Amino acid sequence: MPKGHKAFNKATATYELSPESASLWAARGEALASKHERRDTPTHIRRVSRAQETSDRAVAWAIPQGSVKASHSAQTWRATLVLDELQCKRADRRRNTMAVLWVLLRHTDFTSMTVRITWDTIALKANVGRSTVGNVLYDLRAWGLIGIVASGRSAEYAAKAGQDAQNEAPVYVLCRPVGSGLRDTDRPDTNPATARQETPAATACGNKLEPLRVAGFLALKRNLPTRAREEKTLDGAAPRPEINHGRASSSSGHQLPYRPELLWPSTKRSASKMQCLAASSEFRRRIFLLRPMTPKDIRSVLKPYLDSGWTVSDLENALDFMPDGTPWSMSVPDVSGNDRLTAAIRLRGWLKNRLGAWMRDGQPMRSPLQRTEAERTRQLAEARAAAQRAQERREGTSGQRSPAMRAALAEIRALRHKKAE
């Protein structure tokens, strides 16, 4: 302060302020008094830019209070099933809620756990109306299961300088309430969830998000791995968690041990190489003993039979019964003490031995299904021939055989000759 200059003080002023000066002085005093007061978040906040829709700060800002971002979509699904608020709803409302949530989970980006999807798409895939979609999304947000990262807007309001005018879909983040949605093998939440960082009113209307406070940043980043060295870690930061790679997506890390690679109907014939492989895979799934063998190895054994029109059910019947209908008395091989290669070799020989009984002159015999179809065809032909003979007798022309009668008799003779073979 320069020498001889005194700070202005209204109490010691020797003159009266003008109305304009008094108004400015009062406004300045009110501004200084409220400079450090806490302001509430404004009710209207502008949508974040497209480049920040899946950024860490935008996602962390959208997480509801009392919730954390889900590690995978299964946590959100399990947290929804145990909600008391959902069980209090009507049956149709519960069904619509789970249908909408299922669509959201199917369209999740597992890198950021965000969902970019429009209401029309949700309504179409969940088979509900737009109003139902809005009500369900409101409930999910109130329950702390989703957060709104960016709201949707039409191209009329989405166009910016240097950007194309196009519609923008809303972006949601999948969440779960603290302590809910975890499996028995998951590590429980040790710290309560912190409230999401509220943006001050002075900077809330811009597209750029303000930097998060250090304490809030550490709380929001608690479940994420850090690359900082131990000696440089800030006080209060959580240690690096154990990462379970099976939880990186919504699919379970535990694979079904005997799930077939390909599915094929047991009563349908295979006509191509890929269909034969599917039939072999289904045959391997049905016969538990053949687990050490691969589907391609089984296909090499079953190829002559599949090419002859055998089905999976026919092959199962051939392993249980001989061609004359007698059950097999031979016991199955015990491969429990062998390694996988030795077991596969023994099972391959056992499979060839049992199916070899259905071979005649190097060609497979007719399968049980083919025999049943041939017998049904023969009975239908004999019934048509008998009906034709009865009609001829009624017409008095039994002495002469019509062309249709001769064709039916020829068909019967051919079927009998084929059966004799």
Protein backbone atom coordinates (compact mmCIF):
# COMPACT_ATOMS: atom_id res chain seq x y z
CA MET A 1 0.00 0.00 0.00
CA PRO A 2 1.49 3.40 -0.95
CA LYS A 3 2.64 5.69 1.84
CA GLY A 4 0.01 8.12 3.01
CA HIS A 5 -2.86 6.07 1.46
CA LYS A 6 -5.63 4.91 3.76
CA ALA A 7 -7.94 2.04 2.99
CA PHE A 8 -11.49 3.09 2.34
CA ASN A 9 -13.85 2.40 5.24
CA LYS A 10 -17.47 3.36 5.06
CA ALA A 11 -17.67 3.94 8.81
CA THR A 12 -14.90 6.56 8.76
CA ALA A 13 -15.96 8.21 5.53
CA THR A 14 -16.48 12.01 5.86
CA TYR A 15 -18.97 12.17 3.04
CA GLU A 16 -22.12 10.41 2.03
CA LEU A 17 -22.08 7.81 -0.76
CA SER A 18 -24.26 8.34 -3.78
CA PRO A 19 -27.11 5.86 -4.33
CA GLU A 20 -25.14 4.17 -7.12
CA SER A 21 -22.01 3.86 -4.99
CA ALA A 22 -24.01 2.55 -2.03
CA SER A 23 -25.61 -0.10 -4.24
CA LEU A 24 -22.23 -1.21 -5.59
CA TRP A 25 -20.81 -1.30 -2.06
CA ALA A 26 -23.68 -3.48 -0.84
CA ALA A 27 -23.32 -5.86 -3.82
CA ARG A 28 -19.57 -6.15 -3.15
CA GLY A 29 -20.19 -6.94 0.49
CA GLU A 30 -22.71 -9.65 -0.33
CA ALA A 31 -20.33 -11.21 -2.85
CA LEU A 32 -17.50 -11.32 -0.31
CA ALA A 33 -19.80 -12.77 2.35
CA SER A 34 -20.94 -15.63 0.10
CA LYS A 35 -17.63 -16.23 -1.62
CA HIS A 36 -16.76 -19.37 0.33
CA GLU A 37 -20.27 -20.71 0.86
CA ARG A 38 -21.16 -24.15 -0.48
CA ARG A 39 -23.49 -24.12 -3.44
CA ASP A 40 -25.91 -26.85 -4.41
CA THR A 41 -25.62 -28.62 -7.74
CA PRO A 42 -27.77 -26.93 -10.42
CA THR A 43 -30.81 -28.82 -11.61
CA HIS A 44 -29.77 -28.52 -15.26
CA ILE A 45 -26.29 -29.61 -16.29
CA ARG A 46 -25.16 -29.61 -19.88
CA ARG A 47 -24.39 -32.90 -21.54
CA VAL A 48 -20.73 -33.93 -21.66
CA SER A 49 -19.07 -33.96 -25.05
CA ARG A 50 -18.94 -37.10 -27.15
CA ALA A 51 -15.23 -37.55 -26.48
CA GLN A 52 -15.84 -37.71 -22.71
CA GLU A 53 -18.86 -40.03 -22.67
CA THR A 54 -16.81 -43.01 -21.49
CA SER A 55 -13.97 -41.20 -19.69
CA ASP A 56 -13.14 -42.19 -16.13
CA ARG A 57 -14.07 -38.80 -14.69
CA ALA A 58 -17.43 -38.64 -16.47
CA VAL A 59 -18.29 -42.19 -15.37
CA ALA A 60 -17.18 -41.56 -11.76
CA TRP A 61 -19.24 -38.36 -11.62
CA ALA A 62 -22.39 -40.26 -12.72
CA ILE A 63 -22.23 -43.03 -10.09
CA PRO A 64 -25.16 -42.58 -7.67
CA GLN A 65 -24.53 -41.99 -3.98
CA GLY A 66 -24.21 -45.24 -2.02
CA SER A 67 -23.22 -47.28 -5.10
CA VAL A 68 -20.05 -48.30 -6.87
CA LYS A 69 -19.35 -49.15 -10.47
CA ALA A 70 -19.94 -52.83 -11.16
CA SER A 71 -16.95 -54.97 -12.10
CA HIS A 72 -19.11 -56.91 -14.56
CA SER A 73 -22.75 -57.03 -15.54
CA ALA A 74 -23.51 -60.10 -13.42
CA GLN A 75 -23.08 -58.01 -10.27
CA THR A 76 -25.81 -55.61 -11.37
CA TRP A 77 -28.08 -58.54 -12.25
CA ARG A 78 -27.61 -60.21 -8.86
CA ALA A 79 -28.05 -56.92 -7.02
CA THR A 80 -31.38 -56.40 -8.79
CA LEU A 81 -32.73 -59.83 -7.91
CA VAL A 82 -32.34 -59.27 -4.16
CA LEU A 83 -33.92 -55.82 -4.06
CA ASP A 84 -36.93 -55.57 -1.77
CA GLU A 85 -38.23 -52.65 -3.84
CA LEU A 86 -38.43 -54.91 -6.90
CA GLN A 87 -40.24 -57.69 -5.06
CA CYS A 88 -42.92 -55.21 -3.97
CA LYS A 89 -43.81 -54.51 -7.61
CA ARG A 90 -46.47 -56.35 -9.55
CA ALA A 91 -45.51 -59.42 -11.55
CA ASP A 92 -45.74 -57.65 -14.91
CA ARG A 93 -43.65 -54.73 -13.63
CA ARG A 94 -40.98 -57.10 -12.33
CA ARG A 95 -40.96 -58.89 -15.66
CA ASN A 96 -40.60 -55.64 -17.62
CA THR A 97 -37.87 -54.43 -15.27
CA MET A 98 -35.77 -57.55 -15.76
CA ALA A 99 -36.38 -57.46 -19.52
CA VAL A 100 -35.13 -53.87 -19.79
CA LEU A 101 -32.16 -54.60 -17.54
CA TRP A 102 -31.29 -57.66 -19.65
CA VAL A 103 -31.16 -55.49 -22.78
CA LEU A 104 -28.88 -53.02 -21.01
CA LEU A 105 -26.54 -55.79 -19.91
CA ARG A 106 -26.38 -57.26 -23.43
CA HIS A 107 -25.23 -53.90 -24.85
CA THR A 108 -22.62 -53.13 -22.17
CA ASP A 109 -19.12 -51.99 -23.04
CA PHE A 110 -17.11 -53.99 -20.48
CA THR A 111 -14.08 -51.73 -20.80
CA SER A 112 -15.87 -48.79 -19.17
CA MET A 113 -19.04 -50.61 -17.99
CA THR A 114 -21.16 -48.10 -19.90
CA VAL A 115 -24.20 -48.64 -22.12
CA ARG A 116 -24.97 -46.45 -25.13
CA ILE A 117 -28.47 -47.29 -26.32
CA THR A 118 -31.66 -45.44 -27.22
CA TRP A 119 -35.09 -45.89 -25.70
CA ASP A 120 -36.51 -47.12 -29.00
CA THR A 121 -33.94 -49.91 -29.17
CA ILE A 122 -34.64 -50.96 -25.60
CA ALA A 123 -38.40 -50.95 -26.21
CA LEU A 124 -37.99 -53.04 -29.38
CA LYS A 125 -35.68 -55.68 -27.87
CA ALA A 126 -37.52 -55.88 -24.53
CA ASN A 127 -40.97 -55.86 -26.20
CA VAL A 128 -42.26 -53.01 -24.02
CA GLY A 129 -43.43 -49.44 -24.61
CA ARG A 130 -41.38 -46.25 -24.39
CA SER A 131 -43.21 -45.12 -21.28
CA THR A 132 -42.35 -48.43 -19.60
CA VAL A 133 -38.70 -47.98 -20.54
CA GLY A 134 -38.70 -44.53 -18.93
CA ASN A 135 -40.33 -45.80 -15.75
CA VAL A 136 -37.92 -48.74 -15.46
CA LEU A 137 -34.86 -46.55 -16.03
CA TYR A 138 -36.14 -44.14 -13.37
CA ASP A 139 -36.47 -47.04 -10.90
CA LEU A 140 -33.03 -48.44 -11.74
CA ARG A 141 -31.46 -45.04 -11.18
CA ALA A 142 -33.33 -44.54 -7.90
CA TRP A 143 -32.17 -47.97 -6.69
CA GLY A 144 -28.52 -47.14 -7.47
CA LEU A 145 -28.18 -49.70 -10.27
CA ILE A 146 -27.41 -47.29 -13.12
CA GLY A 147 -26.11 -43.76 -13.46
CA ILE A 148 -26.65 -41.30 -16.29
CA VAL A 149 -23.30 -40.32 -17.77
CA ALA A 150 -24.80 -38.39 -20.70
CA SER A 151 -28.41 -37.82 -21.63
CA GLY A 152 -29.67 -38.27 -25.16
CA ARG A 153 -30.47 -35.39 -27.45
CA SER A 154 -31.58 -34.89 -31.04
CA ALA A 155 -29.43 -33.60 -33.87
CA GLU A 156 -31.14 -30.21 -33.64
CA TYR A 157 -29.45 -29.55 -30.30
CA ALA A 158 -26.43 -31.85 -30.67
CA ALA A 159 -24.72 -30.01 -33.52
CA LYS A 160 -21.64 -28.08 -32.42
CA ALA A 161 -18.93 -26.16 -34.22
CA GLY A 162 -16.93 -28.61 -36.30
CA GLN A 163 -19.22 -31.57 -35.53
CA ASP A 164 -21.79 -33.34 -37.63
CA ALA A 165 -25.45 -32.89 -36.84
CA GLN A 166 -26.59 -36.30 -35.62
CA ASN A 167 -28.65 -37.76 -32.83
CA GLU A 168 -26.85 -38.76 -29.66
CA ALA A 169 -27.95 -41.76 -27.62
CA PRO A 170 -27.92 -41.61 -23.82
CA VAL A 171 -25.03 -43.24 -21.98
CA TYR A 172 -25.54 -45.14 -18.71
CA VAL A 173 -23.04 -46.73 -16.31
CA LEU A 174 -23.80 -50.02 -14.57
CA CYS A 175 -23.58 -49.83 -10.78
CA ARG A 176 -24.45 -51.84 -7.71
CA PRO A 177 -25.23 -50.85 -4.12
CA VAL A 178 -22.37 -51.31 -1.69
CA GLY A 179 -22.26 -54.88 -0.38
CA SER A 180 -24.81 -56.16 -2.92
CA GLY A 181 -24.38 -58.24 -6.06
CA LEU A 182 -21.27 -60.09 -4.90
CA ARG A 183 -20.72 -63.82 -5.01
CA ASP A 184 -19.58 -65.89 -2.05
CA THR A 185 -16.07 -66.04 -3.50
CA ASP A 186 -15.81 -62.27 -4.11
CA ARG A 187 -14.03 -59.97 -1.72
CA PRO A 188 -16.59 -57.91 0.24
CA ASP A 189 -16.61 -54.12 0.28
CA THR A 190 -14.46 -52.92 3.15
CA ASN A 191 -15.24 -49.21 2.90
CA PRO A 192 -18.61 -47.53 2.43
CA ALA A 193 -19.27 -45.86 -0.90
CA THR A 194 -18.65 -42.15 -1.00
CA ALA A 195 -21.06 -39.68 -2.45
CA ARG A 196 -20.43 -38.79 -6.04
CA GLN A 197 -18.49 -35.60 -6.61
CA GLU A 198 -20.94 -32.76 -7.07
CA THR A 199 -19.81 -30.18 -9.60
CA PRO A 200 -19.97 -26.59 -8.28
CA ALA A 201 -22.46 -24.28 -9.92
CA ALA A 202 -19.76 -21.96 -11.18
CA THR A 203 -18.29 -24.58 -13.55
CA ALA A 204 -21.14 -27.05 -14.00
CA CYS A 205 -22.51 -25.67 -17.24
CA GLY A 206 -19.43 -26.37 -19.34
CA ASN A 207 -18.57 -29.46 -21.35
CA LYS A 208 -15.24 -29.89 -19.53
CA LEU A 209 -15.46 -31.61 -16.17
CA GLU A 210 -13.51 -30.07 -13.31
CA PRO A 211 -10.65 -32.07 -11.76
CA LEU A 212 -11.84 -34.25 -8.89
CA ARG A 213 -10.62 -33.59 -5.37
CA VAL A 214 -7.79 -35.84 -4.19
CA ALA A 215 -9.77 -37.54 -1.43
CA GLY A 216 -12.74 -38.18 -3.67
CA PHE A 217 -10.49 -39.34 -6.49
CA LEU A 218 -8.87 -41.94 -4.25
CA ALA A 219 -12.25 -43.14 -3.02
CA LEU A 220 -13.63 -43.51 -6.54
CA LYS A 221 -10.45 -45.21 -7.77
CA ARG A 222 -10.24 -47.57 -4.81
CA ASN A 223 -11.24 -50.69 -6.75
CA LEU A 224 -9.06 -49.96 -9.77
CA PRO A 225 -5.47 -51.21 -10.12
CA THR A 226 -2.71 -48.63 -9.71
CA ARG A 227 0.74 -48.56 -11.24
CA ALA A 228 2.28 -46.18 -8.71
CA ARG A 229 5.21 -47.52 -6.75
CA GLU A 230 4.72 -48.26 -3.09
CA GLU A 231 7.08 -45.56 -1.86
CA LYS A 232 5.27 -42.92 -3.96
CA THR A 233 1.71 -43.91 -3.03
CA LEU A 234 -0.31 -41.18 -1.36
CA ASP A 235 -1.48 -41.65 2.20
CA GLY A 236 -4.88 -43.27 2.38
CA ALA A 237 -4.67 -44.92 -1.05
CA ALA A 238 -5.91 -48.49 -1.18
CA PRO A 239 -3.44 -51.28 -2.05
CA ARG A 240 -3.61 -52.90 -5.44
CA PRO A 241 -6.45 -55.43 -5.45
CA GLU A 242 -6.22 -58.98 -6.69
CA ILE A 243 -7.53 -59.12 -10.23
CA ASN A 244 -9.70 -62.09 -11.14
CA HIS A 245 -9.42 -62.38 -14.91
CA GLY A 246 -12.59 -64.47 -15.06
CA ARG A 247 -14.55 -61.37 -14.01
CA ALA A 248 -13.37 -59.18 -16.88
CA SER A 249 -16.71 -59.51 -18.66
CA SER A 250 -20.26 -60.60 -17.98
CA SER A 251 -19.48 -64.22 -18.87
CA SER A 252 -18.61 -66.51 -15.99
CA GLY A 253 -15.02 -67.60 -15.64
CA HIS A 254 -16.13 -71.15 -14.76
CA GLN A 255 -16.73 -73.16 -17.92
CA LEU A 256 -19.15 -76.06 -17.99
CA PRO A 257 -17.03 -79.23 -18.01
CA TYR A 258 -19.06 -81.27 -20.50
CA ARG A 259 -20.85 -78.69 -22.58
CA PRO A 260 -21.00 -79.75 -26.26
CA GLU A 261 -19.21 -77.58 -28.78
CA LEU A 262 -21.93 -78.19 -31.38
CA LEU A 263 -25.58 -79.15 -31.01
CA TRP A 264 -27.40 -81.51 -33.35
CA PRO A 265 -30.84 -83.20 -33.18
CA SER A 266 -30.56 -86.86 -32.30
CA THR A 267 -33.14 -87.94 -34.92
CA LYS A 268 -31.85 -85.91 -37.88
CA ARG A 269 -29.53 -87.22 -40.59
CA SER A 270 -26.30 -85.38 -41.37
CA ALA A 271 -25.50 -84.46 -44.97
CA SER A 272 -22.29 -82.40 -44.82
CA LYS A 273 -18.90 -82.55 -43.14
CA MET A 274 -19.84 -79.90 -40.60
CA GLN A 275 -23.11 -81.64 -39.81
CA CYS A 276 -21.24 -84.91 -39.26
CA LEU A 277 -18.97 -83.11 -36.81
CA ALA A 278 -22.00 -81.70 -34.99
CA ALA A 279 -23.58 -85.16 -34.82
CA SER A 280 -20.31 -86.60 -33.47
CA SER A 281 -20.16 -83.87 -30.83
CA GLU A 282 -23.73 -84.63 -29.76
CA PHE A 283 -22.92 -88.36 -29.68
CA ARG A 284 -19.89 -87.62 -27.46
CA ARG A 285 -22.06 -85.54 -25.13
CA ARG A 286 -24.63 -88.31 -24.76
CA ILE A 287 -22.10 -91.12 -24.19
CA PHE A 288 -20.21 -90.10 -21.05
CA LEU A 289 -17.59 -92.81 -21.59
CA LEU A 290 -16.33 -91.10 -24.77
CA ARG A 291 -15.20 -87.86 -23.04
CA PRO A 292 -11.46 -88.52 -23.58
CA MET A 293 -12.04 -88.62 -27.36
CA THR A 294 -12.39 -85.47 -29.43
CA PRO A 295 -15.38 -84.85 -31.72
CA LYS A 296 -13.13 -85.15 -34.80
CA ASP A 297 -11.78 -88.49 -33.60
CA ILE A 298 -15.31 -89.76 -33.09
CA ARG A 299 -16.31 -88.46 -36.52
CA SER A 300 -13.56 -90.52 -38.17
CA VAL A 301 -15.09 -93.67 -36.63
CA LEU A 302 -18.71 -92.77 -37.33
CA LYS A 303 -18.19 -91.44 -40.87
CA PRO A 304 -19.37 -94.58 -42.75
CA TYR A 305 -22.50 -94.78 -40.65
CA LEU A 306 -23.32 -91.08 -40.87
CA ASP A 307 -22.82 -91.13 -44.64
CA SER A 308 -25.27 -94.06 -44.84
CA GLY A 309 -28.03 -92.06 -43.13
CA TRP A 310 -27.57 -93.14 -39.53
CA THR A 311 -28.66 -90.76 -36.79
CA VAL A 312 -27.33 -90.22 -33.27
CA SER A 313 -30.19 -92.27 -31.84
CA ASP A 314 -29.32 -95.14 -34.22
CA LEU A 315 -25.70 -95.06 -33.07
CA GLU A 316 -26.76 -95.14 -29.42
CA ASN A 317 -28.99 -98.13 -30.13
CA ALA A 318 -26.11 -99.90 -31.93
CA LEU A 319 -23.92 -99.56 -28.82
CA ASP A 320 -26.60 -101.18 -26.66
CA PHE A 321 -27.99 -103.93 -28.91
CA MET A 322 -26.78 -106.31 -31.64
CA PRO A 323 -28.41 -106.38 -35.08
CA ASP A 324 -30.72 -109.22 -33.96
CA GLY A 325 -31.91 -107.21 -30.92
CA THR A 326 -29.80 -109.04 -28.32
CA PRO A 327 -28.23 -106.77 -25.70
CA TRP A 328 -24.46 -106.62 -25.60
CA SER A 329 -22.97 -108.77 -22.85
CA MET A 330 -19.45 -107.37 -23.25
CA SER A 331 -18.48 -104.92 -20.51
CA VAL A 332 -17.24 -101.42 -21.28
CA PRO A 333 -13.49 -100.71 -20.96
CA ASP A 334 -12.17 -99.17 -17.76
CA VAL A 335 -10.05 -96.14 -18.67
CA SER A 336 -10.05 -94.43 -15.28
CA GLY A 337 -6.37 -95.20 -14.61
CA ASN A 338 -5.06 -94.29 -18.07
CA ASP A 339 -3.90 -91.01 -19.45
CA ARG A 340 -6.01 -89.17 -22.04
CA LEU A 341 -4.16 -90.54 -25.08
CA THR A 342 -4.25 -94.16 -23.92
CA ALA A 343 -7.91 -93.86 -22.96
CA ALA A 344 -8.76 -92.40 -26.36
CA ILE A 345 -6.99 -95.27 -28.15
CA ARG A 346 -8.80 -97.92 -26.09
CA LEU A 347 -12.17 -96.25 -26.54
CA ARG A 348 -11.62 -95.95 -30.28
CA GLY A 349 -11.03 -99.72 -30.54
CA TRP A 350 -14.06 -100.47 -28.35
CA LEU A 351 -16.28 -98.20 -30.46
CA LYS A 352 -15.10 -99.80 -33.72
CA ASN A 353 -15.69 -103.29 -32.31
CA ARG A 354 -19.28 -102.61 -31.29
CA LEU A 355 -20.25 -100.77 -34.44
CA GLY A 356 -18.45 -103.37 -36.57
CA ALA A 357 -21.21 -105.87 -35.80
CA TRP A 358 -23.50 -103.71 -37.93
CA MET A 359 -21.23 -104.05 -41.00
CA ARG A 360 -21.96 -106.31 -44.00
CA ASP A 361 -19.38 -106.57 -46.79
CA GLY A 362 -17.68 -103.39 -45.69
CA GLN A 363 -20.89 -101.35 -45.72
CA PRO A 364 -23.11 -100.44 -42.76
CA MET A 365 -26.40 -102.27 -42.49
CA ARG A 366 -29.67 -100.41 -42.39
CA SER A 367 -30.12 -98.62 -39.11
CA PRO A 368 -33.08 -99.31 -36.81
CA LEU A 369 -34.72 -96.10 -37.97
CA GLN A 370 -34.22 -97.04 -41.62
CA ARG A 371 -35.66 -100.47 -40.97
CA THR A 372 -38.71 -98.94 -39.31
CA GLU A 373 -39.21 -96.55 -42.22
CA ALA A 374 -38.84 -99.40 -44.77
CA GLU A 375 -41.35 -101.53 -42.89
CA ARG A 376 -43.80 -98.64 -42.76
CA THR A 377 -43.36 -98.04 -46.50
CA ARG A 378 -43.97 -101.75 -47.25
CA GLN A 379 -47.13 -101.79 -45.14
CA LEU A 380 -48.45 -98.71 -46.91
CA ALA A 381 -47.71 -100.27 -50.32
CA GLU A 382 -49.49 -103.51 -49.37
CA ALA A 383 -52.46 -101.54 -48.08
CA ARG A 384 -52.69 -99.61 -51.35
CA ALA A 385 -52.45 -102.84 -53.35
CA ALA A 386 -55.18 -104.48 -51.24
CA ALA A 387 -57.40 -101.46 -51.70
CA GLN A 388 -56.80 -101.57 -55.46
CA ARG A 389 -57.67 -105.27 -55.64
CA ALA A 390 -60.84 -104.70 -53.64
CA GLN A 391 -61.86 -101.93 -56.00
CA GLU A 392 -61.21 -104.10 -59.06
CA ARG A 393 -63.31 -106.90 -57.60
CA ARG A 394 -66.15 -104.49 -57.02
CA GLU A 395 -65.91 -103.30 -60.59
CA GLY A 396 -65.84 -106.89 -61.96
CA THR A 397 -62.43 -106.56 -63.55
CA SER A 398 -60.45 -108.73 -61.21
CA GLY A 399 -59.28 -110.88 -64.11
CA GLN A 400 -57.29 -108.02 -65.58
CA ARG A 401 -54.67 -106.08 -63.64
CA SER A 402 -54.55 -102.35 -64.13
CA PRO A 403 -51.24 -100.48 -64.61
CA ALA A 404 -51.49 -99.09 -61.06
CA MET A 405 -51.95 -102.63 -59.71
CA ARG A 406 -48.94 -103.93 -61.59
CA ALA A 407 -46.81 -101.01 -60.34
CA ALA A 408 -47.86 -101.65 -56.73
CA LEU A 409 -47.04 -105.37 -57.00
CA ALA A 410 -43.63 -104.56 -58.51
CA GLU A 411 -42.92 -102.19 -55.62
CA ILE A 412 -43.82 -104.91 -53.10
CA ARG A 413 -41.53 -107.44 -54.80
CA ALA A 414 -38.66 -104.94 -54.78
CA LEU A 415 -39.10 -104.23 -51.06
CA ARG A 416 -39.17 -107.96 -50.24
CA HIS A 417 -36.02 -108.54 -52.31
CA LYS A 418 -34.22 -105.68 -50.56
CA LYS A 419 -35.29 -106.99 -47.14
CA ALA A 420 -33.94 -110.45 -47.98
CA GLU A 421 -30.53 -108.95 -48.68
